[in-house]
Amino acid sequence: MRGLEGRVALVTGASGGIGRATVERLISEGAIVHASDLASCLPDIAGARGVHALDVTEPDAWTCVIAAIVDQGSGFDILINNAGASTQDVITDPSTVDLDAWRMSIRVNADGCFLGCRTVWPVLGAARPGAIVNISSLASFVGTPFDPAYGAAKAAVMQLTRSYALAGAGRRPPVRCNSVHPGVIWTDMWKRHAARLADASGNSIDAIQADLSARIPMGRPGTAEEVASVIAFLASEDAGYVTGQAIVIDGGMTAG
C-alpha cells in the first residue's frame, strides 16, 4: 500500500487479536511500528520499533508514550486506537447492568480513544499527512442488551471519529480519521464471550460458534488479519480521500 513505508505508527491493545495482527501487517508494509498494551501483557512482536506499557485511561501515560516516540526523531504519522474491553463477566440484561461495569466500559472504550486522539493531535501530521483509525464495533449499530455499556461506548467512538475527521480535514497537511466496526471476529475476546454464552445456555462453545456463524451471511466469523488489512488501507495513502467514515467488517450482517 502506498504511504506506509517509513511512516511511524502506534497501535494500542497490541498484545493479541486485532491489535497484534495490525502491528504485524503494518510492519510488513514497511511502517515503523510501536506497540502498546497494559504492563501486565506487553507483546513481544518481531520487528516492532518499541513496546510501551500504556493504560489508555490515564492521560499522563499517553503523554509519556507519545513523547518517547516523538523523541526518536522520526515524526509521528499514524495512531491505531485499538485498545478496548468488554467488562461484563456474566451475561446480563438491561435491568442488571452494574454501574461500575458501565463506567469502566465507557472509560476504557470511549475515554481511552478520546485521550489518544487528543494527545497525538498536536504532533500528528506535522510534516506529512496523518491518519487515525479508531476501532469501534458492530455494537455501535445494533443493540447489545447483554452488554449495553459496550454498545454505548463504541457508538461514542464513532461520533468522536467524525468530529476529529472534520477538524483534521482543514489542516495542512491533513489528518484523516476513520472508524472500523468489526462484527464477529474470532479473537480471544469473542472466544471468552462465546464461553459465557455457553455457560449461560448450557450449550458447548462449538454450538455457540455454529449458531453465530449461521447468523452471518458469509457463514463464518471473520479473522483478525481481515480486519488488519482494512485498518492498514485506511492508514495508507491509498485512502487519502477517505475520512470521517465508519467501515463495517461483519460478513454482511448489517446488509439487510
C-alpha atoms as a PDB file:
ATOM      1  CA  MET A   1       0.000   0.000   0.000  1.00  0.00           C
ATOM      2  CA  ARG A   2       1.229   3.499  -0.759  1.00  0.00           C
ATOM      3  CA  GLY A   3       2.429   5.756   2.006  1.00  0.00           C
ATOM      4  CA  LEU A   4       3.189   3.259   4.786  1.00  0.00           C
ATOM      5  CA  GLU A   5       6.900   2.737   4.120  1.00  0.00           C
ATOM      6  CA  GLY A   6       8.823   4.581   6.848  1.00  0.00           C
ATOM      7  CA  ARG A   7       5.712   6.016   8.492  1.00  0.00           C
ATOM      8  CA  VAL A   8       5.671   5.984  12.293  1.00  0.00           C
ATOM      9  CA  ALA A   9       2.655   4.293  13.878  1.00  0.00           C
ATOM     10  CA  LEU A  10       1.393   3.426  17.341  1.00  0.00           C
ATOM     11  CA  VAL A  11      -1.026   0.534  17.837  1.00  0.00           C
ATOM     12  CA  THR A  12      -2.704   0.205  21.233  1.00  0.00           C
ATOM     13  CA  GLY A  13      -4.048  -3.023  22.663  1.00  0.00           C
ATOM     14  CA  ALA A  14      -1.378  -4.867  20.690  1.00  0.00           C
ATOM     15  CA  SER A  15      -0.908  -7.998  22.783  1.00  0.00           C
ATOM     16  CA  GLY A  16      -3.305 -10.110  20.710  1.00  0.00           C
ATOM     17  CA  GLY A  17      -6.241 -10.278  18.342  1.00  0.00           C
ATOM     18  CA  ILE A  18      -6.824  -7.354  16.013  1.00  0.00           C
ATOM     19  CA  GLY A  19      -4.113  -5.253  17.645  1.00  0.00           C
ATOM     20  CA  ARG A  20      -1.348  -7.774  17.145  1.00  0.00           C
ATOM     21  CA  ALA A  21      -2.493  -8.565  13.601  1.00  0.00           C
ATOM     22  CA  THR A  22      -2.432  -4.842  12.802  1.00  0.00           C
ATOM     23  CA  VAL A  23       1.087  -4.392  14.143  1.00  0.00           C
ATOM     24  CA  GLU A  24       2.287  -7.302  12.032  1.00  0.00           C
ATOM     25  CA  ARG A  25       0.506  -6.031   8.917  1.00  0.00           C
ATOM     26  CA  LEU A  26       1.886  -2.500   9.241  1.00  0.00           C
ATOM     27  CA  ILE A  27       5.388  -3.855   9.772  1.00  0.00           C
ATOM     28  CA  SER A  28       5.015  -5.967   6.627  1.00  0.00           C
ATOM     29  CA  GLU A  29       4.110  -2.785   4.739  1.00  0.00           C
ATOM     30  CA  GLY A  30       7.320  -1.097   5.882  1.00  0.00           C
ATOM     31  CA  ALA A  31       5.950   1.090   8.673  1.00  0.00           C
ATOM     32  CA  ILE A  32       7.912   1.895  11.816  1.00  0.00           C
ATOM     33  CA  VAL A  33       5.547   0.450  14.391  1.00  0.00           C
ATOM     34  CA  HIS A  34       5.314   0.968  18.131  1.00  0.00           C
ATOM     35  CA  ALA A  35       3.094  -1.429  20.072  1.00  0.00           C
ATOM     36  CA  SER A  36       1.469  -0.805  23.430  1.00  0.00           C
ATOM     37  CA  ASP A  37      -0.681  -2.564  25.986  1.00  0.00           C
ATOM     38  CA  LEU A  38      -1.112  -2.841  29.704  1.00  0.00           C
ATOM     39  CA  ALA A  39       2.086  -3.536  31.609  1.00  0.00           C
ATOM     40  CA  SER A  40       0.758  -6.966  32.588  1.00  0.00           C
ATOM     41  CA  CYS A  41       0.501  -8.165  28.984  1.00  0.00           C
ATOM     42  CA  LEU A  42       3.122  -6.400  26.898  1.00  0.00           C
ATOM     43  CA  PRO A  43       3.521  -8.053  23.490  1.00  0.00           C
ATOM     44  CA  ASP A  44       6.728  -9.479  22.098  1.00  0.00           C
ATOM     45  CA  ILE A  45       6.459  -8.729  18.387  1.00  0.00           C
ATOM     46  CA  ALA A  46       9.351  -9.225  15.994  1.00  0.00           C
ATOM     47  CA  GLY A  47      10.059  -6.060  14.045  1.00  0.00           C
ATOM     48  CA  ALA A  48       8.323  -3.608  16.369  1.00  0.00           C
ATOM     49  CA  ARG A  49      10.418  -0.478  16.921  1.00  0.00           C
ATOM     50  CA  GLY A  50       9.192  -0.116  20.509  1.00  0.00           C
ATOM     51  CA  VAL A  51       6.882  -1.777  23.017  1.00  0.00           C
ATOM     52  CA  HIS A  52       5.299   0.517  25.582  1.00  0.00           C
ATOM     53  CA  ALA A  53       3.287  -0.017  28.740  1.00  0.00           C
ATOM     54  CA  LEU A  54       0.144   2.089  28.286  1.00  0.00           C
ATOM     55  CA  ASP A  55      -3.065   2.264  30.269  1.00  0.00           C
ATOM     56  CA  VAL A  56      -5.218   4.126  27.757  1.00  0.00           C
ATOM     57  CA  THR A  57      -7.431   5.537  30.523  1.00  0.00           C
ATOM     58  CA  GLU A  58      -4.538   7.542  32.015  1.00  0.00           C
ATOM     59  CA  PRO A  59      -3.732  10.917  30.387  1.00  0.00           C
ATOM     60  CA  ASP A  60      -0.194  11.045  31.794  1.00  0.00           C
ATOM     61  CA  ALA A  61       0.572   7.597  30.390  1.00  0.00           C
ATOM     62  CA  TRP A  62      -0.464   8.764  26.925  1.00  0.00           C
ATOM     63  CA  THR A  63       1.736  11.851  27.243  1.00  0.00           C
ATOM     64  CA  CYS A  64       4.775   9.763  28.209  1.00  0.00           C
ATOM     65  CA  VAL A  65       4.386   7.228  25.412  1.00  0.00           C
ATOM     66  CA  ILE A  66       3.828   9.798  22.668  1.00  0.00           C
ATOM     67  CA  ALA A  67       6.780  11.886  23.914  1.00  0.00           C
ATOM     68  CA  ALA A  68       9.009   8.788  23.880  1.00  0.00           C
ATOM     69  CA  ILE A  69       8.063   8.055  20.262  1.00  0.00           C
ATOM     70  CA  VAL A  70       8.456  11.650  19.077  1.00  0.00           C
ATOM     71  CA  ASP A  71      11.821  11.977  20.830  1.00  0.00           C
ATOM     72  CA  GLN A  72      13.219   9.329  18.486  1.00  0.00           C
ATOM     73  CA  GLY A  73      13.101  11.978  15.772  1.00  0.00           C
ATOM     74  CA  SER A  74      11.243  10.149  13.014  1.00  0.00           C
ATOM     75  CA  GLY A  75       7.976  12.049  13.418  1.00  0.00           C
ATOM     76  CA  PHE A  76       4.563  10.573  14.171  1.00  0.00           C
ATOM     77  CA  ASP A  77       2.111   9.654  11.446  1.00  0.00           C
ATOM     78  CA  ILE A  78      -0.463   7.009  12.404  1.00  0.00           C
ATOM     79  CA  LEU A  79      -2.465   6.186  15.521  1.00  0.00           C
ATOM     80  CA  ILE A  80      -4.454   2.963  15.692  1.00  0.00           C
ATOM     81  CA  ASN A  81      -6.751   3.268  18.715  1.00  0.00           C
ATOM     82  CA  ASN A  82      -7.434  -0.431  19.187  1.00  0.00           C
ATOM     83  CA  ALA A  83      -7.402  -0.936  22.965  1.00  0.00           C
ATOM     84  CA  GLY A  84     -10.824  -1.800  24.344  1.00  0.00           C
ATOM     85  CA  ALA A  85     -12.650  -4.153  26.634  1.00  0.00           C
ATOM     86  CA  SER A  86     -15.958  -5.778  27.331  1.00  0.00           C
ATOM     87  CA  THR A  87     -16.255  -5.541  31.096  1.00  0.00           C
ATOM     88  CA  GLN A  88     -19.197  -7.875  31.569  1.00  0.00           C
ATOM     89  CA  ASP A  89     -18.080 -11.104  33.236  1.00  0.00           C
ATOM     90  CA  VAL A  90     -21.584 -12.545  33.145  1.00  0.00           C
ATOM     91  CA  ILE A  91     -24.496 -12.321  30.752  1.00  0.00           C
ATOM     92  CA  THR A  92     -26.815  -9.564  31.923  1.00  0.00           C
ATOM     93  CA  ASP A  93     -29.931  -7.779  30.801  1.00  0.00           C
ATOM     94  CA  PRO A  94     -30.531  -4.014  30.953  1.00  0.00           C
ATOM     95  CA  SER A  95     -32.007  -4.277  34.454  1.00  0.00           C
ATOM     96  CA  THR A  96     -28.932  -5.941  35.955  1.00  0.00           C
ATOM     97  CA  VAL A  97     -26.102  -3.872  34.487  1.00  0.00           C
ATOM     98  CA  ASP A  98     -23.673  -2.910  37.214  1.00  0.00           C
ATOM     99  CA  LEU A  99     -22.913   0.817  37.372  1.00  0.00           C
ATOM    100  CA  ASP A 100     -19.210   0.253  37.989  1.00  0.00           C
ATOM    101  CA  ALA A 101     -19.052  -2.049  34.950  1.00  0.00           C
ATOM    102  CA  TRP A 102     -20.821   0.621  32.885  1.00  0.00           C
ATOM    103  CA  ARG A 103     -18.333   3.269  33.952  1.00  0.00           C
ATOM    104  CA  MET A 104     -15.352   1.024  33.280  1.00  0.00           C
ATOM    105  CA  SER A 105     -16.570   0.222  29.757  1.00  0.00           C
ATOM    106  CA  ILE A 106     -17.049   3.907  28.981  1.00  0.00           C
ATOM    107  CA  ARG A 107     -13.657   4.714  30.470  1.00  0.00           C
ATOM    108  CA  VAL A 108     -11.694   2.100  28.529  1.00  0.00           C
ATOM    109  CA  ASN A 109     -13.529   2.142  25.203  1.00  0.00           C
ATOM    110  CA  ALA A 110     -14.577   5.790  24.860  1.00  0.00           C
ATOM    111  CA  ASP A 111     -12.322   7.800  27.165  1.00  0.00           C
ATOM    112  CA  GLY A 112      -9.260   5.811  26.069  1.00  0.00           C
ATOM    113  CA  CYS A 113      -9.962   6.548  22.419  1.00  0.00           C
ATOM    114  CA  PHE A 114     -10.549  10.239  23.138  1.00  0.00           C
ATOM    115  CA  LEU A 115      -7.326  10.566  25.134  1.00  0.00           C
ATOM    116  CA  GLY A 116      -5.366   9.002  22.289  1.00  0.00           C
ATOM    117  CA  CYS A 117      -6.816  11.377  19.704  1.00  0.00           C
ATOM    118  CA  ARG A 118      -6.309  14.398  21.934  1.00  0.00           C
ATOM    119  CA  THR A 119      -2.727  13.544  22.855  1.00  0.00           C
ATOM    120  CA  VAL A 120      -1.465  12.876  19.334  1.00  0.00           C
ATOM    121  CA  TRP A 121      -3.307  15.798  17.752  1.00  0.00           C
ATOM    122  CA  PRO A 122      -0.513  18.405  18.219  1.00  0.00           C
ATOM    123  CA  VAL A 123       2.166  16.143  16.693  1.00  0.00           C
ATOM    124  CA  LEU A 124       0.250  14.100  14.143  1.00  0.00           C
ATOM    125  CA  GLY A 125       0.666  15.311  10.583  1.00  0.00           C
ATOM    126  CA  ALA A 126       3.275  17.908  11.499  1.00  0.00           C
ATOM    127  CA  ALA A 127       5.317  17.288   8.339  1.00  0.00           C
ATOM    128  CA  ARG A 128       3.191  14.887   6.269  1.00  0.00           C
ATOM    129  CA  PRO A 129      -0.429  13.721   6.216  1.00  0.00           C
ATOM    130  CA  GLY A 130      -1.519  11.852   9.324  1.00  0.00           C
ATOM    131  CA  ALA A 131      -4.116   9.192   9.990  1.00  0.00           C
ATOM    132  CA  ILE A 132      -6.118   7.971  12.959  1.00  0.00           C
ATOM    133  CA  VAL A 133      -8.046   4.707  12.841  1.00  0.00           C
ATOM    134  CA  ASN A 134     -10.345   4.152  15.799  1.00  0.00           C
ATOM    135  CA  ILE A 135     -11.519   0.594  16.383  1.00  0.00           C
ATOM    136  CA  SER A 136     -15.207   0.652  17.228  1.00  0.00           C
ATOM    137  CA  SER A 137     -17.601  -2.286  16.809  1.00  0.00           C
ATOM    138  CA  LEU A 138     -20.691  -3.555  15.064  1.00  0.00           C
ATOM    139  CA  ALA A 139     -22.213  -2.906  18.503  1.00  0.00           C
ATOM    140  CA  SER A 140     -22.351   0.799  17.632  1.00  0.00           C
ATOM    141  CA  PHE A 141     -25.018  -0.003  15.011  1.00  0.00           C
ATOM    142  CA  VAL A 142     -27.074  -2.689  16.753  1.00  0.00           C
ATOM    143  CA  GLY A 143     -28.425  -3.172  20.257  1.00  0.00           C
ATOM    144  CA  THR A 144     -26.380  -5.093  22.812  1.00  0.00           C
ATOM    145  CA  PRO A 145     -28.827  -5.996  25.606  1.00  0.00           C
ATOM    146  CA  PHE A 146     -26.256  -8.426  27.062  1.00  0.00           C
ATOM    147  CA  ASP A 147     -23.769  -5.543  27.465  1.00  0.00           C
ATOM    148  CA  PRO A 148     -25.420  -2.121  26.991  1.00  0.00           C
ATOM    149  CA  ALA A 149     -22.323  -0.250  28.150  1.00  0.00           C
ATOM    150  CA  TYR A 150     -20.146  -1.708  25.405  1.00  0.00           C
ATOM    151  CA  GLY A 151     -22.541  -0.666  22.638  1.00  0.00           C
ATOM    152  CA  ALA A 152     -22.879   2.834  24.079  1.00  0.00           C
ATOM    153  CA  ALA A 153     -19.125   3.278  24.387  1.00  0.00           C
ATOM    154  CA  LYS A 154     -18.438   2.045  20.863  1.00  0.00           C
ATOM    155  CA  ALA A 155     -21.119   4.352  19.440  1.00  0.00           C
ATOM    156  CA  ALA A 156     -19.316   7.212  21.172  1.00  0.00           C
ATOM    157  CA  VAL A 157     -16.129   6.199  19.353  1.00  0.00           C
ATOM    158  CA  MET A 158     -17.937   6.515  16.008  1.00  0.00           C
ATOM    159  CA  GLN A 159     -19.159  10.020  16.798  1.00  0.00           C
ATOM    160  CA  LEU A 160     -15.782  11.099  18.170  1.00  0.00           C
ATOM    161  CA  THR A 161     -14.183   9.906  14.938  1.00  0.00           C
ATOM    162  CA  ARG A 162     -16.427  12.129  12.844  1.00  0.00           C
ATOM    163  CA  SER A 163     -15.591  15.171  14.947  1.00  0.00           C
ATOM    164  CA  TYR A 164     -11.848  14.638  14.610  1.00  0.00           C
ATOM    165  CA  ALA A 165     -12.244  13.940  10.896  1.00  0.00           C
ATOM    166  CA  LEU A 166     -13.831  17.338  10.328  1.00  0.00           C
ATOM    167  CA  ALA A 167     -11.164  19.063  12.411  1.00  0.00           C
ATOM    168  CA  GLY A 168      -8.369  17.271  10.574  1.00  0.00           C
ATOM    169  CA  ALA A 169      -9.702  17.814   7.056  1.00  0.00           C
ATOM    170  CA  GLY A 170      -8.845  21.502   7.175  1.00  0.00           C
ATOM    171  CA  ARG A 171      -5.299  21.040   8.432  1.00  0.00           C
ATOM    172  CA  ARG A 172      -2.288  21.237   6.149  1.00  0.00           C
ATOM    173  CA  PRO A 173      -1.062  18.560   5.913  1.00  0.00           C
ATOM    174  CA  PRO A 174      -4.445  16.981   6.596  1.00  0.00           C
ATOM    175  CA  VAL A 175      -5.137  14.414   9.287  1.00  0.00           C
ATOM    176  CA  ARG A 176      -7.715  11.786   8.358  1.00  0.00           C
ATOM    177  CA  CYS A 177      -9.771   9.948  10.963  1.00  0.00           C
ATOM    178  CA  ASN A 178     -11.919   6.877  10.337  1.00  0.00           C
ATOM    179  CA  SER A 179     -13.508   4.178  12.462  1.00  0.00           C
ATOM    180  CA  VAL A 180     -13.581   0.429  11.874  1.00  0.00           C
ATOM    181  CA  HIS A 181     -16.510  -1.650  13.106  1.00  0.00           C
ATOM    182  CA  PRO A 182     -15.761  -5.384  13.323  1.00  0.00           C
ATOM    183  CA  GLY A 183     -18.601  -7.838  13.734  1.00  0.00           C
ATOM    184  CA  VAL A 184     -17.977 -11.390  14.920  1.00  0.00           C
ATOM    185  CA  ILE A 185     -14.195 -11.734  14.706  1.00  0.00           C
ATOM    186  CA  TRP A 186     -12.882 -14.956  16.228  1.00  0.00           C
ATOM    187  CA  THR A 187     -10.374 -13.384  18.641  1.00  0.00           C
ATOM    188  CA  ASP A 188      -9.785 -14.220  22.306  1.00  0.00           C
ATOM    189  CA  MET A 189     -12.355 -11.589  23.309  1.00  0.00           C
ATOM    190  CA  TRP A 190     -15.040 -13.262  21.199  1.00  0.00           C
ATOM    191  CA  LYS A 191     -13.990 -16.686  22.437  1.00  0.00           C
ATOM    192  CA  ARG A 192     -14.462 -15.504  26.038  1.00  0.00           C
ATOM    193  CA  HIS A 193     -17.868 -14.107  25.136  1.00  0.00           C
ATOM    194  CA  ALA A 194     -18.800 -17.407  23.472  1.00  0.00           C
ATOM    195  CA  ALA A 195     -17.745 -19.234  26.623  1.00  0.00           C
ATOM    196  CA  ARG A 196     -20.031 -17.025  28.726  1.00  0.00           C
ATOM    197  CA  LEU A 197     -22.883 -17.648  26.320  1.00  0.00           C
ATOM    198  CA  ALA A 198     -22.198 -21.380  26.527  1.00  0.00           C
ATOM    199  CA  ASP A 199     -22.252 -21.314  30.317  1.00  0.00           C
ATOM    200  CA  ALA A 200     -25.480 -19.330  30.375  1.00  0.00           C
ATOM    201  CA  SER A 201     -27.246 -21.552  27.837  1.00  0.00           C
ATOM    202  CA  GLY A 202     -25.836 -24.951  28.739  1.00  0.00           C
ATOM    203  CA  ASN A 203     -24.522 -25.430  25.188  1.00  0.00           C
ATOM    204  CA  SER A 204     -20.993 -26.130  24.023  1.00  0.00           C
ATOM    205  CA  ILE A 205     -18.701 -23.431  22.652  1.00  0.00           C
ATOM    206  CA  ASP A 206     -18.770 -25.241  19.298  1.00  0.00           C
ATOM    207  CA  ALA A 207     -22.557 -24.984  19.282  1.00  0.00           C
ATOM    208  CA  ILE A 208     -22.360 -21.273  20.102  1.00  0.00           C
ATOM    209  CA  GLN A 209     -19.867 -20.724  17.272  1.00  0.00           C
ATOM    210  CA  ALA A 210     -22.110 -22.620  14.867  1.00  0.00           C
ATOM    211  CA  ASP A 211     -25.089 -20.503  15.907  1.00  0.00           C
ATOM    212  CA  LEU A 212     -23.081 -17.302  15.436  1.00  0.00           C
ATOM    213  CA  SER A 213     -21.914 -18.479  12.005  1.00  0.00           C
ATOM    214  CA  ALA A 214     -25.493 -19.181  10.982  1.00  0.00           C
ATOM    215  CA  ARG A 215     -26.355 -15.540  11.691  1.00  0.00           C
ATOM    216  CA  ILE A 216     -23.613 -14.268   9.361  1.00  0.00           C
ATOM    217  CA  PRO A 217     -24.456 -14.168   5.648  1.00  0.00           C
ATOM    218  CA  MET A 218     -20.923 -15.250   4.745  1.00  0.00           C
ATOM    219  CA  GLY A 219     -21.329 -18.222   7.073  1.00  0.00           C
ATOM    220  CA  ARG A 220     -18.320 -17.747   9.326  1.00  0.00           C
ATOM    221  CA  PRO A 221     -16.691 -15.359  11.777  1.00  0.00           C
ATOM    222  CA  GLY A 222     -14.001 -13.045  10.466  1.00  0.00           C
ATOM    223  CA  THR A 223     -10.316 -13.136  11.300  1.00  0.00           C
ATOM    224  CA  ALA A 224      -8.102 -10.561  12.933  1.00  0.00           C
ATOM    225  CA  GLU A 225      -5.977 -10.455   9.777  1.00  0.00           C
ATOM    226  CA  GLU A 226      -9.003  -9.497   7.661  1.00  0.00           C
ATOM    227  CA  VAL A 227      -9.683  -6.551   9.953  1.00  0.00           C
ATOM    228  CA  ALA A 228      -6.000  -5.584   9.999  1.00  0.00           C
ATOM    229  CA  SER A 229      -5.975  -5.345   6.200  1.00  0.00           C
ATOM    230  CA  VAL A 230      -8.751  -2.744   6.288  1.00  0.00           C
ATOM    231  CA  ILE A 231      -7.002  -0.817   9.054  1.00  0.00           C
ATOM    232  CA  ALA A 232      -3.778  -0.762   7.035  1.00  0.00           C
ATOM    233  CA  PHE A 233      -5.661   0.537   3.991  1.00  0.00           C
ATOM    234  CA  LEU A 234      -7.260   3.361   5.988  1.00  0.00           C
ATOM    235  CA  ALA A 235      -3.865   4.309   7.407  1.00  0.00           C
ATOM    236  CA  SER A 236      -2.254   4.363   3.961  1.00  0.00           C
ATOM    237  CA  GLU A 237      -2.179   6.987   1.221  1.00  0.00           C
ATOM    238  CA  ASP A 238      -4.385   4.684  -0.850  1.00  0.00           C
ATOM    239  CA  ALA A 239      -7.179   6.001   1.402  1.00  0.00           C
ATOM    240  CA  GLY A 240      -6.005   9.584   1.069  1.00  0.00           C
ATOM    241  CA  TYR A 241      -9.513  10.902   0.296  1.00  0.00           C
ATOM    242  CA  VAL A 242     -11.302   8.800   2.925  1.00  0.00           C
ATOM    243  CA  THR A 243     -12.127  10.468   6.238  1.00  0.00           C
ATOM    244  CA  GLY A 244     -14.973  10.525   8.723  1.00  0.00           C
ATOM    245  CA  GLN A 245     -16.173   7.092   7.632  1.00  0.00           C
ATOM    246  CA  ALA A 246     -17.438   4.147   9.665  1.00  0.00           C
ATOM    247  CA  ILE A 247     -16.251   0.977   7.917  1.00  0.00           C
ATOM    248  CA  VAL A 248     -18.178  -2.145   8.927  1.00  0.00           C
ATOM    249  CA  ILE A 249     -16.450  -5.540   8.679  1.00  0.00           C
ATOM    250  CA  ASP A 250     -19.199  -8.029   9.509  1.00  0.00           C
ATOM    251  CA  GLY A 251     -19.560 -10.597   6.737  1.00  0.00           C
ATOM    252  CA  GLY A 252     -22.802  -8.955   5.638  1.00  0.00           C
ATOM    253  CA  MET A 253     -24.669  -8.925   8.979  1.00  0.00           C
ATOM    254  CA  THR A 254     -25.880  -5.340   8.573  1.00  0.00           C
ATOM    255  CA  ALA A 255     -26.626  -5.641   4.872  1.00  0.00           C
ATOM    256  CA  GLY A 256     -30.272  -6.457   5.363  1.00  0.00           C
END
